Every structure is written in C-alpha cells, then in structure tokens.
Amino acid sequence: MKSRYLRDLLIAGVLLAAALLLFMAVRGRQVSGAEAVVMVDGEEQGRYPLAIAGTFPLNGGSNVLVIENGEAWVSEADCPDKVCMHMGKISRNGEFIACLPNRLIVSIEGGEDSGADART
C-alpha cells in the first residue's frame, strides 16, 4: 500500500516537473525584432521595439503602454471598463490589445514567428 502511494507521488512529481518545463519553454519564446504597433482611429501612431523597455503615453495620455522584458501591455486607461488593461501581456506576432472606447489597437508585428501558439 505504501509503495503504491510513493509511486503515485513520484508520477505526480514527474508530471508536474514536465508541465513546469513546458510552461517555461512556451513563455520564453518571443518574436525576435518584433515591434508593438499602435493604431488610433485606424491610423498608425507609432512603432515601439519590444527589445527597448519603456513607458509610453498613447492617444493623448488616454492609455499608457509599457514595454519590458520583450512584452507589451496597457498599464493605464481612462475608459470605463478598462478591458485593455486586463488583456494581459503580448509578445508574439499577431497578438493584440484593443481599447474600443479610445479607438486604440496595439498589435505585435515583425520578427520571426516563434512557432505554434501554445495558448490555443
């Protein structure tokens, strides 16, 4: 009985370690040379390389874009629901953040595609 418990515990530990390694491998992939492209009202307002960290006020200060560690996210917004702030960090080609009340879209473009999207 005790050996079965230890075996089950060992299997669970191995599976947990494998899942952790897979998670780290997927999160570590980024698009090299990628840029965050900012569109306001359908017009491009700027391109910000993901390789350069910084904080950038957008759309007259209505939103604030943060770039750090190869990822971009909206940290501040003056819209009522703040959905754009909850969309999380983006770093791969084709990912985007949208703030519809402020007519803002931040998308990732350029660089090499990092492979299959493990989130879908």
N, C-alpha and C. Protein backbone atom coordinates (compact mmCIF):
# COMPACT_ATOMS: atom_id res chain seq x y z
N MET A 1 0.83 -1.19 0.00
CA MET A 1 0.00 0.00 0.00
C MET A 1 0.87 1.25 0.00
N LYS A 2 1.90 1.25 0.85
CA LYS A 2 2.77 2.41 0.96
C LYS A 2 3.57 2.62 -0.33
N SER A 3 4.00 1.53 -0.99
CA SER A 3 4.79 1.66 -2.22
C SER A 3 3.93 2.23 -3.36
N ARG A 4 2.63 1.89 -3.37
CA ARG A 4 1.75 2.44 -4.40
C ARG A 4 1.60 3.96 -4.21
N TYR A 5 1.47 4.39 -2.97
CA TYR A 5 1.38 5.81 -2.66
C TYR A 5 2.64 6.54 -3.12
N LEU A 6 3.81 5.99 -2.83
CA LEU A 6 5.07 6.60 -3.23
C LEU A 6 5.21 6.64 -4.75
N ARG A 7 4.78 5.56 -5.41
CA ARG A 7 4.83 5.53 -6.87
C ARG A 7 3.91 6.61 -7.46
N ASP A 8 2.70 6.73 -6.94
CA ASP A 8 1.77 7.76 -7.41
C ASP A 8 2.33 9.16 -7.17
N LEU A 9 2.96 9.35 -6.03
CA LEU A 9 3.57 10.63 -5.70
C LEU A 9 4.72 10.95 -6.66
N LEU A 10 5.51 9.94 -6.98
CA LEU A 10 6.62 10.11 -7.92
C LEU A 10 6.10 10.45 -9.31
N ILE A 11 5.07 9.78 -9.77
CA ILE A 11 4.48 10.07 -11.09
C ILE A 11 3.93 11.49 -11.12
N ALA A 12 3.24 11.90 -10.06
CA ALA A 12 2.69 13.26 -9.99
C ALA A 12 3.82 14.29 -10.03
N GLY A 13 4.92 14.02 -9.33
CA GLY A 13 6.06 14.94 -9.32
C GLY A 13 6.70 15.05 -10.69
N VAL A 14 6.84 13.93 -11.39
CA VAL A 14 7.42 13.95 -12.74
C VAL A 14 6.52 14.73 -13.70
N LEU A 15 5.22 14.50 -13.62
CA LEU A 15 4.28 15.23 -14.48
C LEU A 15 4.29 16.73 -14.18
N LEU A 16 4.37 17.08 -12.92
CA LEU A 16 4.43 18.49 -12.54
C LEU A 16 5.70 19.14 -13.05
N ALA A 17 6.83 18.45 -12.94
CA ALA A 17 8.10 18.99 -13.44
C ALA A 17 8.06 19.16 -14.95
N ALA A 18 7.48 18.19 -15.66
CA ALA A 18 7.37 18.29 -17.12
C ALA A 18 6.48 19.46 -17.52
N ALA A 19 5.38 19.64 -16.81
CA ALA A 19 4.48 20.77 -17.10
C ALA A 19 5.18 22.10 -16.86
N LEU A 20 5.95 22.19 -15.79
CA LEU A 20 6.69 23.41 -15.48
C LEU A 20 7.72 23.72 -16.56
N LEU A 21 8.45 22.71 -17.01
CA LEU A 21 9.43 22.91 -18.08
C LEU A 21 8.76 23.35 -19.38
N LEU A 22 7.63 22.74 -19.70
CA LEU A 22 6.90 23.13 -20.90
C LEU A 22 6.40 24.57 -20.80
N PHE A 23 5.88 24.94 -19.65
CA PHE A 23 5.41 26.31 -19.44
C PHE A 23 6.55 27.31 -19.62
N MET A 24 7.70 27.01 -19.04
CA MET A 24 8.84 27.93 -19.15
C MET A 24 9.32 28.03 -20.60
N ALA A 25 9.29 26.94 -21.33
CA ALA A 25 9.72 26.96 -22.73
C ALA A 25 8.77 27.79 -23.57
N VAL A 26 7.48 27.65 -23.33
CA VAL A 26 6.49 28.40 -24.11
C VAL A 26 6.56 29.89 -23.78
N ARG A 27 6.66 30.24 -22.51
CA ARG A 27 6.72 31.66 -22.11
C ARG A 27 8.02 32.31 -22.54
N GLY A 28 9.08 31.53 -22.68
CA GLY A 28 10.38 32.08 -23.06
C GLY A 28 10.48 32.43 -24.53
N ARG A 29 9.56 31.90 -25.36
CA ARG A 29 9.62 32.20 -26.78
C ARG A 29 9.07 33.59 -27.05
N GLN A 30 9.83 34.36 -27.80
CA GLN A 30 9.38 35.69 -28.18
C GLN A 30 9.72 35.90 -29.64
N VAL A 31 9.10 36.89 -30.22
CA VAL A 31 9.37 37.22 -31.60
C VAL A 31 10.58 38.13 -31.63
N SER A 32 11.67 37.66 -32.25
CA SER A 32 12.87 38.49 -32.27
C SER A 32 12.69 39.63 -33.26
N GLY A 33 13.07 40.83 -32.87
CA GLY A 33 12.94 42.00 -33.73
C GLY A 33 11.52 42.52 -33.84
N ALA A 34 10.63 42.07 -32.99
CA ALA A 34 9.23 42.45 -33.07
C ALA A 34 9.01 43.86 -32.54
N GLU A 35 7.90 44.45 -32.99
CA GLU A 35 7.52 45.80 -32.56
C GLU A 35 6.06 45.81 -32.13
N ALA A 36 5.76 46.69 -31.19
CA ALA A 36 4.37 46.98 -30.84
C ALA A 36 3.93 48.12 -31.74
N VAL A 37 2.92 47.86 -32.55
CA VAL A 37 2.41 48.85 -33.49
C VAL A 37 1.14 49.45 -32.91
N VAL A 38 1.11 50.77 -32.77
CA VAL A 38 -0.01 51.47 -32.15
C VAL A 38 -0.85 52.12 -33.23
N MET A 39 -2.14 51.76 -33.25
CA MET A 39 -3.10 52.34 -34.19
C MET A 39 -4.18 53.07 -33.39
N VAL A 40 -4.47 54.32 -33.76
CA VAL A 40 -5.54 55.08 -33.13
C VAL A 40 -6.45 55.54 -34.25
N ASP A 41 -7.72 55.21 -34.13
CA ASP A 41 -8.72 55.58 -35.13
C ASP A 41 -8.33 55.07 -36.53
N GLY A 42 -7.68 53.90 -36.58
CA GLY A 42 -7.32 53.30 -37.85
C GLY A 42 -6.03 53.82 -38.47
N GLU A 43 -5.36 54.76 -37.81
CA GLU A 43 -4.12 55.32 -38.34
C GLU A 43 -2.96 54.96 -37.43
N GLU A 44 -1.84 54.56 -38.04
CA GLU A 44 -0.66 54.21 -37.25
C GLU A 44 -0.10 55.44 -36.55
N GLN A 45 0.10 55.30 -35.24
CA GLN A 45 0.62 56.39 -34.42
C GLN A 45 2.06 56.18 -33.98
N GLY A 46 2.54 54.93 -34.08
CA GLY A 46 3.92 54.69 -33.69
C GLY A 46 4.25 53.21 -33.65
N ARG A 47 5.56 52.95 -33.64
CA ARG A 47 6.10 51.59 -33.53
C ARG A 47 7.14 51.59 -32.42
N TYR A 48 7.02 50.64 -31.53
CA TYR A 48 7.91 50.57 -30.38
C TYR A 48 8.55 49.18 -30.34
N PRO A 49 9.88 49.09 -30.50
CA PRO A 49 10.55 47.79 -30.46
C PRO A 49 10.39 47.12 -29.09
N LEU A 50 10.09 45.83 -29.10
CA LEU A 50 9.94 45.10 -27.84
C LEU A 50 11.27 44.92 -27.13
N ALA A 51 12.37 45.14 -27.84
CA ALA A 51 13.69 44.99 -27.23
C ALA A 51 14.08 46.20 -26.37
N ILE A 52 13.33 47.29 -26.48
CA ILE A 52 13.65 48.52 -25.73
C ILE A 52 12.56 48.78 -24.70
N ALA A 53 12.92 48.70 -23.43
CA ALA A 53 11.95 48.90 -22.35
C ALA A 53 11.59 50.37 -22.23
N GLY A 54 10.35 50.62 -21.84
CA GLY A 54 9.92 52.00 -21.63
C GLY A 54 8.44 52.08 -21.32
N THR A 55 8.01 53.28 -20.96
CA THR A 55 6.61 53.58 -20.70
C THR A 55 6.22 54.70 -21.64
N PHE A 56 5.12 54.50 -22.38
CA PHE A 56 4.75 55.43 -23.45
C PHE A 56 3.29 55.84 -23.32
N PRO A 57 3.03 57.14 -23.11
CA PRO A 57 1.65 57.60 -23.11
C PRO A 57 1.12 57.55 -24.55
N LEU A 58 -0.09 57.06 -24.71
CA LEU A 58 -0.70 56.92 -26.04
C LEU A 58 -2.00 57.70 -26.10
N ASN A 59 -2.36 58.06 -27.29
CA ASN A 59 -3.68 58.65 -27.55
C ASN A 59 -3.92 59.87 -26.65
N GLY A 60 -2.92 60.75 -26.59
CA GLY A 60 -3.05 61.95 -25.78
C GLY A 60 -3.05 61.67 -24.28
N GLY A 61 -2.52 60.55 -23.87
CA GLY A 61 -2.48 60.19 -22.46
C GLY A 61 -3.66 59.36 -22.01
N SER A 62 -4.57 59.02 -22.92
CA SER A 62 -5.73 58.20 -22.55
C SER A 62 -5.32 56.80 -22.13
N ASN A 63 -4.23 56.31 -22.70
CA ASN A 63 -3.71 54.98 -22.38
C ASN A 63 -2.20 55.08 -22.17
N VAL A 64 -1.64 54.14 -21.42
CA VAL A 64 -0.20 54.07 -21.22
C VAL A 64 0.26 52.67 -21.60
N LEU A 65 1.22 52.61 -22.53
CA LEU A 65 1.80 51.35 -22.98
C LEU A 65 3.12 51.14 -22.26
N VAL A 66 3.31 49.92 -21.71
CA VAL A 66 4.56 49.56 -21.05
C VAL A 66 5.20 48.44 -21.85
N ILE A 67 6.51 48.58 -22.10
CA ILE A 67 7.28 47.52 -22.75
C ILE A 67 8.42 47.16 -21.80
N GLU A 68 8.50 45.86 -21.49
CA GLU A 68 9.52 45.38 -20.56
C GLU A 68 9.73 43.88 -20.80
N ASN A 69 10.97 43.46 -20.79
CA ASN A 69 11.31 42.04 -20.98
C ASN A 69 10.71 41.45 -22.24
N GLY A 70 10.65 42.23 -23.31
CA GLY A 70 10.13 41.73 -24.58
C GLY A 70 8.63 41.58 -24.65
N GLU A 71 7.90 42.17 -23.70
CA GLU A 71 6.45 42.09 -23.67
C GLU A 71 5.86 43.49 -23.60
N ALA A 72 4.65 43.64 -24.13
CA ALA A 72 3.96 44.93 -24.10
C ALA A 72 2.59 44.74 -23.45
N TRP A 73 2.17 45.77 -22.70
CA TRP A 73 0.83 45.75 -22.11
C TRP A 73 0.38 47.17 -21.82
N VAL A 74 -0.93 47.33 -21.66
CA VAL A 74 -1.51 48.62 -21.32
C VAL A 74 -1.65 48.66 -19.80
N SER A 75 -0.98 49.62 -19.18
CA SER A 75 -0.99 49.71 -17.71
C SER A 75 -2.01 50.72 -17.19
N GLU A 76 -2.42 51.66 -18.02
CA GLU A 76 -3.40 52.67 -17.59
C GLU A 76 -4.34 52.97 -18.74
N ALA A 77 -5.60 53.25 -18.40
CA ALA A 77 -6.59 53.63 -19.39
C ALA A 77 -7.67 54.46 -18.72
N ASP A 78 -8.20 55.42 -19.45
CA ASP A 78 -9.26 56.25 -18.86
C ASP A 78 -10.66 55.81 -19.31
N CYS A 79 -10.76 54.67 -19.98
CA CYS A 79 -12.05 54.17 -20.41
C CYS A 79 -12.79 53.54 -19.22
N PRO A 80 -14.12 53.40 -19.31
CA PRO A 80 -14.88 52.94 -18.15
C PRO A 80 -14.59 51.49 -17.73
N ASP A 81 -14.48 50.56 -18.66
CA ASP A 81 -14.34 49.15 -18.31
C ASP A 81 -12.90 48.68 -18.14
N LYS A 82 -11.96 49.38 -18.74
CA LYS A 82 -10.53 49.05 -18.66
C LYS A 82 -10.22 47.63 -19.14
N VAL A 83 -10.96 47.19 -20.15
CA VAL A 83 -10.76 45.85 -20.72
C VAL A 83 -9.34 45.72 -21.26
N CYS A 84 -8.83 46.79 -21.87
CA CYS A 84 -7.48 46.74 -22.45
C CYS A 84 -6.42 46.44 -21.39
N MET A 85 -6.62 46.90 -20.18
CA MET A 85 -5.66 46.65 -19.11
C MET A 85 -5.69 45.18 -18.67
N HIS A 86 -6.82 44.53 -18.86
CA HIS A 86 -6.97 43.14 -18.43
C HIS A 86 -6.67 42.14 -19.54
N MET A 87 -6.29 42.62 -20.72
CA MET A 87 -5.98 41.71 -21.83
C MET A 87 -4.63 41.06 -21.67
N GLY A 88 -3.83 41.55 -20.75
CA GLY A 88 -2.55 40.92 -20.44
C GLY A 88 -1.41 41.39 -21.32
N LYS A 89 -0.32 40.65 -21.23
CA LYS A 89 0.91 41.00 -21.94
C LYS A 89 0.94 40.29 -23.29
N ILE A 90 1.47 41.00 -24.28
CA ILE A 90 1.60 40.42 -25.62
C ILE A 90 3.06 40.48 -26.04
N SER A 91 3.48 39.47 -26.82
CA SER A 91 4.87 39.44 -27.26
C SER A 91 5.05 38.72 -28.59
N ARG A 92 4.02 38.03 -29.07
CA ARG A 92 4.16 37.23 -30.29
C ARG A 92 3.43 37.85 -31.46
N ASN A 93 3.96 37.60 -32.64
CA ASN A 93 3.41 38.09 -33.89
C ASN A 93 1.92 37.79 -33.97
N GLY A 94 1.11 38.82 -34.22
CA GLY A 94 -0.33 38.65 -34.36
C GLY A 94 -1.14 38.90 -33.10
N GLU A 95 -0.52 38.93 -31.94
CA GLU A 95 -1.25 39.22 -30.71
C GLU A 95 -1.60 40.70 -30.68
N PHE A 96 -2.69 41.05 -30.01
CA PHE A 96 -3.09 42.46 -29.96
C PHE A 96 -3.84 42.77 -28.67
N ILE A 97 -3.90 44.06 -28.38
CA ILE A 97 -4.69 44.62 -27.29
C ILE A 97 -5.57 45.69 -27.91
N ALA A 98 -6.85 45.71 -27.53
CA ALA A 98 -7.77 46.70 -28.09
C ALA A 98 -8.46 47.47 -26.97
N CYS A 99 -8.56 48.77 -27.17
CA CYS A 99 -9.33 49.64 -26.28
C CYS A 99 -10.36 50.33 -27.18
N LEU A 100 -11.54 49.76 -27.27
CA LEU A 100 -12.54 50.26 -28.21
C LEU A 100 -13.03 51.67 -27.89
N PRO A 101 -13.29 52.02 -26.60
CA PRO A 101 -13.75 53.39 -26.34
C PRO A 101 -12.74 54.46 -26.80
N ASN A 102 -11.44 54.15 -26.70
CA ASN A 102 -10.41 55.10 -27.12
C ASN A 102 -9.91 54.84 -28.53
N ARG A 103 -10.54 53.88 -29.21
CA ARG A 103 -10.21 53.55 -30.62
C ARG A 103 -8.73 53.21 -30.78
N LEU A 104 -8.20 52.45 -29.85
CA LEU A 104 -6.78 52.11 -29.80
C LEU A 104 -6.59 50.61 -30.02
N ILE A 105 -5.62 50.27 -30.86
CA ILE A 105 -5.22 48.88 -31.05
C ILE A 105 -3.70 48.84 -31.00
N VAL A 106 -3.16 47.96 -30.16
CA VAL A 106 -1.72 47.71 -30.09
C VAL A 106 -1.53 46.27 -30.55
N SER A 107 -0.75 46.09 -31.61
CA SER A 107 -0.52 44.74 -32.12
C SER A 107 0.98 44.48 -32.26
N ILE A 108 1.35 43.21 -32.27
CA ILE A 108 2.75 42.82 -32.43
C ILE A 108 2.98 42.45 -33.89
N GLU A 109 4.00 43.03 -34.47
CA GLU A 109 4.36 42.76 -35.86
C GLU A 109 5.87 42.61 -35.98
N GLY A 110 6.28 41.93 -37.03
CA GLY A 110 7.70 41.83 -37.35
C GLY A 110 8.39 40.70 -36.65
N GLY A 111 9.67 40.54 -37.00
CA GLY A 111 10.46 39.47 -36.42
C GLY A 111 10.06 38.13 -37.00
N GLU A 112 10.67 37.10 -36.48
CA GLU A 112 10.34 35.75 -36.91
C GLU A 112 9.23 35.21 -36.04
N ASP A 113 8.32 34.47 -36.66
CA ASP A 113 7.27 33.83 -35.89
C ASP A 113 7.90 32.77 -35.01
N SER A 114 7.47 32.71 -33.78
CA SER A 114 8.09 31.79 -32.81
C SER A 114 7.50 30.39 -32.84
N GLY A 115 6.67 30.09 -33.80
CA GLY A 115 6.12 28.74 -33.89
C GLY A 115 4.67 28.70 -33.50
N ALA A 116 4.20 27.51 -33.21
CA ALA A 116 2.78 27.32 -32.88
C ALA A 116 2.41 28.06 -31.61
N ASP A 117 1.20 28.54 -31.58
CA ASP A 117 0.69 29.25 -30.41
C ASP A 117 0.22 28.22 -29.39
N ALA A 118 0.89 28.16 -28.27
CA ALA A 118 0.57 27.15 -27.27
C ALA A 118 -0.66 27.52 -26.45
N ARG A 119 -1.20 28.73 -26.63
CA ARG A 119 -2.34 29.15 -25.84
C ARG A 119 -3.66 28.67 -26.43
N THR A 120 -3.64 28.31 -27.73
CA THR A 120 -4.91 27.90 -28.36
C THR A 120 -4.94 26.42 -28.60
